[in-house]
Each structure stands twice: as C-alpha cells, then as structure tokens.
C-alpha cells in the first residue's frame, strides 16, 4: 500500500523542517511559510524522508497514512 500524506495548514508552525527533510514532498508558501504539500503519495525512495519530516514537525501538522 502506498503512503498518503496529509497536512494541516491551520496548525503549521512554519518551521521549515518538512522542506529540509523532504523537499520533493513539501514546500512553503512565500507569504507566511505555511507548509504546502507537493506530493500526497511520495515514491518509495521518498518515504523515509517523508517520515522524518513528519517526525520533525514541531506542530505535528503532518500525518501519514500507510
């Protein structure tokens, strides 16, 4: 089963940890730094970085379904 990523922009702390860990999966809005999900179904080679990004999120705004 493929990983599915869900982000909650309402609680995002704009820390950028997600982008630093998985830049192919996450970005940030220019105006306020809030997370933007680029790929809700990361490839197999992106799953570990995506898990690290979720773990590094101080607001716990990234949720992963597997």
PDB file of N, CA and C in Angstrom:
ATOM      1  N   UNK A   1       0.844  -1.192   0.000  1.00  0.00           N
ATOM      2  CA  UNK A   1       0.000   0.000   0.000  1.00  0.00           C
ATOM      3  C   UNK A   1       0.881   1.245   0.000  1.00  0.00           C
ATOM      4  N   UNK A   2       0.455   2.220  -0.764  1.00  0.00           N
ATOM      5  CA  UNK A   2       1.244   3.440  -0.907  1.00  0.00           C
ATOM      6  C   UNK A   2       0.963   4.422   0.225  1.00  0.00           C
ATOM      7  N   UNK A   3       1.999   5.096   0.647  1.00  0.00           N
ATOM      8  CA  UNK A   3       1.887   6.116   1.682  1.00  0.00           C
ATOM      9  C   UNK A   3       1.012   7.277   1.189  1.00  0.00           C
ATOM     10  N   UNK A   4       0.213   7.819   2.108  1.00  0.00           N
ATOM     11  CA  UNK A   4      -0.557   9.030   1.820  1.00  0.00           C
ATOM     12  C   UNK A   4      -0.210  10.054   2.887  1.00  0.00           C
ATOM     13  N   UNK A   5       0.111  11.270   2.450  1.00  0.00           N
ATOM     14  CA  UNK A   5       0.489  12.348   3.357  1.00  0.00           C
ATOM     15  C   UNK A   5      -0.649  13.354   3.434  1.00  0.00           C
ATOM     16  N   UNK A   6      -0.946  13.773   4.656  1.00  0.00           N
ATOM     17  CA  UNK A   6      -1.977  14.783   4.910  1.00  0.00           C
ATOM     18  C   UNK A   6      -1.332  15.881   5.748  1.00  0.00           C
ATOM     19  N   UNK A   7      -1.551  17.136   5.369  1.00  0.00           N
ATOM     20  CA  UNK A   7      -1.024  18.250   6.160  1.00  0.00           C
ATOM     21  C   UNK A   7      -2.180  19.110   6.662  1.00  0.00           C
ATOM     22  N   UNK A   8      -1.988  19.662   7.840  1.00  0.00           N
ATOM     23  CA  UNK A   8      -2.963  20.584   8.420  1.00  0.00           C
ATOM     24  C   UNK A   8      -2.331  21.973   8.424  1.00  0.00           C
ATOM     25  N   UNK A   9      -2.669  22.753   7.406  1.00  0.00           N
ATOM     26  CA  UNK A   9      -2.086  24.091   7.275  1.00  0.00           C
ATOM     27  C   UNK A   9      -2.508  25.011   8.423  1.00  0.00           C
ATOM     28  N   UNK A  10      -3.612  24.705   9.071  1.00  0.00           N
ATOM     29  CA  UNK A  10      -4.111  25.563  10.150  1.00  0.00           C
ATOM     30  C   UNK A  10      -3.246  25.519  11.404  1.00  0.00           C
ATOM     31  N   UNK A  11      -2.503  24.426  11.593  1.00  0.00           N
ATOM     32  CA  UNK A  11      -1.669  24.344  12.791  1.00  0.00           C
ATOM     33  C   UNK A  11      -0.178  24.411  12.473  1.00  0.00           C
ATOM     34  N   UNK A  12       0.173  24.557  11.201  1.00  0.00           N
ATOM     35  CA  UNK A  12       1.574  24.617  10.782  1.00  0.00           C
ATOM     36  C   UNK A  12       2.285  25.761  11.485  1.00  0.00           C
ATOM     37  N   UNK A  13       3.486  25.466  12.015  1.00  0.00           N
ATOM     38  CA  UNK A  13       4.293  26.459  12.732  1.00  0.00           C
ATOM     39  C   UNK A  13       5.283  27.173  11.812  1.00  0.00           C
ATOM     40  N   UNK A  14       5.292  26.844  10.541  1.00  0.00           N
ATOM     41  CA  UNK A  14       6.168  27.475   9.545  1.00  0.00           C
ATOM     42  C   UNK A  14       7.651  27.329   9.878  1.00  0.00           C
ATOM     43  N   UNK A  15       8.015  26.203  10.483  1.00  0.00           N
ATOM     44  CA  UNK A  15       9.408  25.991  10.878  1.00  0.00           C
ATOM     45  C   UNK A  15      10.308  25.606   9.704  1.00  0.00           C
ATOM     46  N   UNK A  16       9.736  25.004   8.679  1.00  0.00           N
ATOM     47  CA  UNK A  16      10.506  24.591   7.518  1.00  0.00           C
ATOM     48  C   UNK A  16      11.175  23.240   7.658  1.00  0.00           C
ATOM     49  N   UNK A  17      10.978  22.562   8.782  1.00  0.00           N
ATOM     50  CA  UNK A  17      11.603  21.248   8.970  1.00  0.00           C
ATOM     51  C   UNK A  17      11.165  20.256   7.899  1.00  0.00           C
ATOM     52  N   UNK A  18       9.936  20.358   7.457  1.00  0.00           N
ATOM     53  CA  UNK A  18       9.435  19.428   6.441  1.00  0.00           C
ATOM     54  C   UNK A  18      10.196  19.605   5.129  1.00  0.00           C
ATOM     55  N   UNK A  19      10.411  20.842   4.740  1.00  0.00           N
ATOM     56  CA  UNK A  19      11.111  21.129   3.485  1.00  0.00           C
ATOM     57  C   UNK A  19      12.571  20.696   3.579  1.00  0.00           C
ATOM     58  N   UNK A  20      13.187  20.900   4.732  1.00  0.00           N
ATOM     59  CA  UNK A  20      14.583  20.497   4.905  1.00  0.00           C
ATOM     60  C   UNK A  20      14.741  18.975   4.822  1.00  0.00           C
ATOM     61  N   UNK A  21      13.749  18.235   5.286  1.00  0.00           N
ATOM     62  CA  UNK A  21      13.815  16.773   5.282  1.00  0.00           C
ATOM     63  C   UNK A  21      13.346  16.145   3.972  1.00  0.00           C
ATOM     64  N   UNK A  22      12.331  16.719   3.362  1.00  0.00           N
ATOM     65  CA  UNK A  22      11.753  16.120   2.152  1.00  0.00           C
ATOM     66  C   UNK A  22      11.315  17.213   1.167  1.00  0.00           C
ATOM     67  N   UNK A  23      12.275  17.869   0.513  1.00  0.00           N
ATOM     68  CA  UNK A  23      11.932  18.976  -0.388  1.00  0.00           C
ATOM     69  C   UNK A  23      11.152  18.565  -1.633  1.00  0.00           C
ATOM     70  N   UNK A  24      11.164  17.268  -1.960  1.00  0.00           N
ATOM     71  CA  UNK A  24      10.384  16.807  -3.109  1.00  0.00           C
ATOM     72  C   UNK A  24       8.909  16.643  -2.757  1.00  0.00           C
ATOM     73  N   UNK A  25       8.623  16.603  -1.458  1.00  0.00           N
ATOM     74  CA  UNK A  25       7.258  16.343  -0.998  1.00  0.00           C
ATOM     75  C   UNK A  25       6.600  17.602  -0.430  1.00  0.00           C
ATOM     76  N   UNK A  26       7.402  18.473   0.188  1.00  0.00           N
ATOM     77  CA  UNK A  26       6.863  19.659   0.856  1.00  0.00           C
ATOM     78  C   UNK A  26       7.518  20.938   0.354  1.00  0.00           C
ATOM     79  N   UNK A  27       6.741  22.017   0.415  1.00  0.00           N
ATOM     80  CA  UNK A  27       7.249  23.361   0.147  1.00  0.00           C
ATOM     81  C   UNK A  27       6.601  24.276   1.168  1.00  0.00           C
ATOM     82  N   UNK A  28       6.925  25.560   1.106  1.00  0.00           N
ATOM     83  CA  UNK A  28       6.319  26.541   1.997  1.00  0.00           C
ATOM     84  C   UNK A  28       5.799  27.705   1.179  1.00  0.00           C
ATOM     85  N   UNK A  29       4.671  28.270   1.621  1.00  0.00           N
ATOM     86  CA  UNK A  29       4.137  29.459   0.957  1.00  0.00           C
ATOM     87  C   UNK A  29       5.088  30.621   1.184  1.00  0.00           C
ATOM     88  N   UNK A  30       5.308  31.405   0.150  1.00  0.00           N
ATOM     89  CA  UNK A  30       6.221  32.545   0.248  1.00  0.00           C
ATOM     90  C   UNK A  30       5.752  33.579   1.259  1.00  0.00           C
ATOM     91  N   UNK A  31       4.450  33.812   1.320  1.00  0.00           N
ATOM     92  CA  UNK A  31       3.942  34.918   2.148  1.00  0.00           C
ATOM     93  C   UNK A  31       4.006  34.647   3.647  1.00  0.00           C
ATOM     94  N   UNK A  32       3.864  33.384   4.066  1.00  0.00           N
ATOM     95  CA  UNK A  32       3.829  33.130   5.511  1.00  0.00           C
ATOM     96  C   UNK A  32       4.562  31.868   5.947  1.00  0.00           C
ATOM     97  N   UNK A  33       5.147  31.137   5.014  1.00  0.00           N
ATOM     98  CA  UNK A  33       5.927  29.957   5.364  1.00  0.00           C
ATOM     99  C   UNK A  33       5.132  28.714   5.698  1.00  0.00           C
ATOM    100  N   UNK A  34       3.824  28.752   5.537  1.00  0.00           N
ATOM    101  CA  UNK A  34       2.978  27.599   5.854  1.00  0.00           C
ATOM    102  C   UNK A  34       3.244  26.471   4.848  1.00  0.00           C
ATOM    103  N   UNK A  35       3.227  25.261   5.352  1.00  0.00           N
ATOM    104  CA  UNK A  35       3.517  24.080   4.539  1.00  0.00           C
ATOM    105  C   UNK A  35       2.575  23.966   3.344  1.00  0.00           C
ATOM    106  N   UNK A  36       3.155  23.526   2.223  1.00  0.00           N
ATOM    107  CA  UNK A  36       2.402  23.205   1.014  1.00  0.00           C
ATOM    108  C   UNK A  36       2.787  21.779   0.628  1.00  0.00           C
ATOM    109  N   UNK A  37       1.810  20.931   0.461  1.00  0.00           N
ATOM    110  CA  UNK A  37       2.047  19.541   0.089  1.00  0.00           C
ATOM    111  C   UNK A  37       2.193  19.459  -1.428  1.00  0.00           C
ATOM    112  N   UNK A  38       3.357  19.028  -1.883  1.00  0.00           N
ATOM    113  CA  UNK A  38       3.618  18.901  -3.313  1.00  0.00           C
ATOM    114  C   UNK A  38       3.227  17.538  -3.859  1.00  0.00           C
ATOM    115  N   UNK A  39       3.286  16.517  -2.988  1.00  0.00           N
ATOM    116  CA  UNK A  39       3.039  15.151  -3.439  1.00  0.00           C
ATOM    117  C   UNK A  39       2.427  14.353  -2.295  1.00  0.00           C
ATOM    118  N   UNK A  40       1.134  14.077  -2.374  1.00  0.00           N
ATOM    119  CA  UNK A  40       0.483  13.356  -1.267  1.00  0.00           C
ATOM    120  C   UNK A  40       0.778  11.859  -1.289  1.00  0.00           C
ATOM    121  N   UNK A  41       1.351  11.367  -2.386  1.00  0.00           N
ATOM    122  CA  UNK A  41       1.726   9.952  -2.490  1.00  0.00           C
ATOM    123  C   UNK A  41       3.205   9.858  -2.875  1.00  0.00           C
ATOM    124  N   UNK A  42       4.105  10.058  -1.907  1.00  0.00           N
ATOM    125  CA  UNK A  42       5.534  10.004  -2.216  1.00  0.00           C
ATOM    126  C   UNK A  42       5.957   8.643  -2.758  1.00  0.00           C
ATOM    127  N   UNK A  43       6.978   8.664  -3.595  1.00  0.00           N
ATOM    128  CA  UNK A  43       7.520   7.422  -4.139  1.00  0.00           C
ATOM    129  C   UNK A  43       8.219   6.643  -3.031  1.00  0.00           C
ATOM    130  N   UNK A  44       8.512   5.393  -3.313  1.00  0.00           N
ATOM    131  CA  UNK A  44       9.164   4.535  -2.319  1.00  0.00           C
ATOM    132  C   UNK A  44      10.481   5.122  -1.827  1.00  0.00           C
ATOM    133  N   UNK A  45      11.221   5.769  -2.716  1.00  0.00           N
ATOM    134  CA  UNK A  45      12.504   6.333  -2.310  1.00  0.00           C
ATOM    135  C   UNK A  45      12.364   7.635  -1.520  1.00  0.00           C
ATOM    136  N   UNK A  46      11.150   8.148  -1.410  1.00  0.00           N
ATOM    137  CA  UNK A  46      10.905   9.366  -0.632  1.00  0.00           C
ATOM    138  C   UNK A  46      10.228   9.088   0.715  1.00  0.00           C
ATOM    139  N   UNK A  47       9.861   7.840   0.979  1.00  0.00           N
ATOM    140  CA  UNK A  47       9.070   7.555   2.176  1.00  0.00           C
ATOM    141  C   UNK A  47       9.830   7.816   3.472  1.00  0.00           C
ATOM    142  N   UNK A  48      11.096   7.447   3.529  1.00  0.00           N
ATOM    143  CA  UNK A  48      11.851   7.642   4.767  1.00  0.00           C
ATOM    144  C   UNK A  48      12.028   9.131   5.064  1.00  0.00           C
ATOM    145  N   UNK A  49      12.345   9.920   4.058  1.00  0.00           N
ATOM    146  CA  UNK A  49      12.482  11.369   4.245  1.00  0.00           C
ATOM    147  C   UNK A  49      11.154  11.992   4.661  1.00  0.00           C
ATOM    148  N   UNK A  50      10.061  11.474   4.117  1.00  0.00           N
ATOM    149  CA  UNK A  50       8.737  11.978   4.466  1.00  0.00           C
ATOM    150  C   UNK A  50       8.411  11.652   5.920  1.00  0.00           C
ATOM    151  N   UNK A  51       8.748  10.452   6.358  1.00  0.00           N
ATOM    152  CA  UNK A  51       8.553  10.090   7.771  1.00  0.00           C
ATOM    153  C   UNK A  51       9.395  10.990   8.686  1.00  0.00           C
ATOM    154  N   UNK A  52      10.622  11.267   8.284  1.00  0.00           N
ATOM    155  CA  UNK A  52      11.492  12.150   9.067  1.00  0.00           C
ATOM    156  C   UNK A  52      10.904  13.554   9.138  1.00  0.00           C
ATOM    157  N   UNK A  53      10.348  14.022   8.036  1.00  0.00           N
ATOM    158  CA  UNK A  53       9.726  15.345   8.013  1.00  0.00           C
ATOM    159  C   UNK A  53       8.550  15.407   8.984  1.00  0.00           C
ATOM    160  N   UNK A  54       7.727  14.369   8.983  1.00  0.00           N
ATOM    161  CA  UNK A  54       6.584  14.333   9.899  1.00  0.00           C
ATOM    162  C   UNK A  54       7.058  14.312  11.345  1.00  0.00           C
ATOM    163  N   UNK A  55       8.098  13.533  11.630  1.00  0.00           N
ATOM    164  CA  UNK A  55       8.627  13.437  12.991  1.00  0.00           C
ATOM    165  C   UNK A  55       9.253  14.754  13.444  1.00  0.00           C
ATOM    166  N   UNK A  56       9.808  15.518  12.511  1.00  0.00           N
ATOM    167  CA  UNK A  56      10.485  16.773  12.839  1.00  0.00           C
ATOM    168  C   UNK A  56       9.533  17.963  12.940  1.00  0.00           C
ATOM    169  N   UNK A  57       8.277  17.762  12.612  1.00  0.00           N
ATOM    170  CA  UNK A  57       7.308  18.872  12.630  1.00  0.00           C
ATOM    171  C   UNK A  57       6.955  19.245  14.071  1.00  0.00           C
ATOM    172  N   UNK A  58       7.306  20.460  14.513  1.00  0.00           N
ATOM    173  CA  UNK A  58       7.020  20.826  15.904  1.00  0.00           C
ATOM    174  C   UNK A  58       5.534  20.976  16.202  1.00  0.00           C
ATOM    175  N   UNK A  59       4.737  21.241  15.168  1.00  0.00           N
ATOM    176  CA  UNK A  59       3.293  21.427  15.362  1.00  0.00           C
ATOM    177  C   UNK A  59       2.506  20.129  15.124  1.00  0.00           C
ATOM    178  N   UNK A  60       3.196  19.072  14.701  1.00  0.00           N
ATOM    179  CA  UNK A  60       2.546  17.811  14.347  1.00  0.00           C
ATOM    180  C   UNK A  60       1.455  18.038  13.294  1.00  0.00           C
ATOM    181  N   UNK A  61       1.807  18.840  12.299  1.00  0.00           N
ATOM    182  CA  UNK A  61       0.860  19.194  11.237  1.00  0.00           C
ATOM    183  C   UNK A  61       0.895  18.220  10.067  1.00  0.00           C
ATOM    184  N   UNK A  62       1.810  17.245  10.100  1.00  0.00           N
ATOM    185  CA  UNK A  62       1.954  16.279   9.026  1.00  0.00           C
ATOM    186  C   UNK A  62       1.513  14.911   9.524  1.00  0.00           C
ATOM    187  N   UNK A  63       0.572  14.306   8.806  1.00  0.00           N
ATOM    188  CA  UNK A  63       0.067  12.994   9.182  1.00  0.00           C
ATOM    189  C   UNK A  63       0.288  12.039   8.012  1.00  0.00           C
ATOM    190  N   UNK A  64       0.682  10.819   8.333  1.00  0.00           N
ATOM    191  CA  UNK A  64       0.964   9.824   7.318  1.00  0.00           C
ATOM    192  C   UNK A  64       0.036   8.635   7.506  1.00  0.00           C
ATOM    193  N   UNK A  65      -0.594   8.230   6.409  1.00  0.00           N
ATOM    194  CA  UNK A  65      -1.402   7.001   6.391  1.00  0.00           C
ATOM    195  C   UNK A  65      -0.676   5.985   5.541  1.00  0.00           C
ATOM    196  N   UNK A  66      -0.579   4.765   6.048  1.00  0.00           N
ATOM    197  CA  UNK A  66       0.116   3.715   5.285  1.00  0.00           C
ATOM    198  C   UNK A  66      -0.758   2.493   5.160  1.00  0.00           C
TER     199      UNK A  66
END
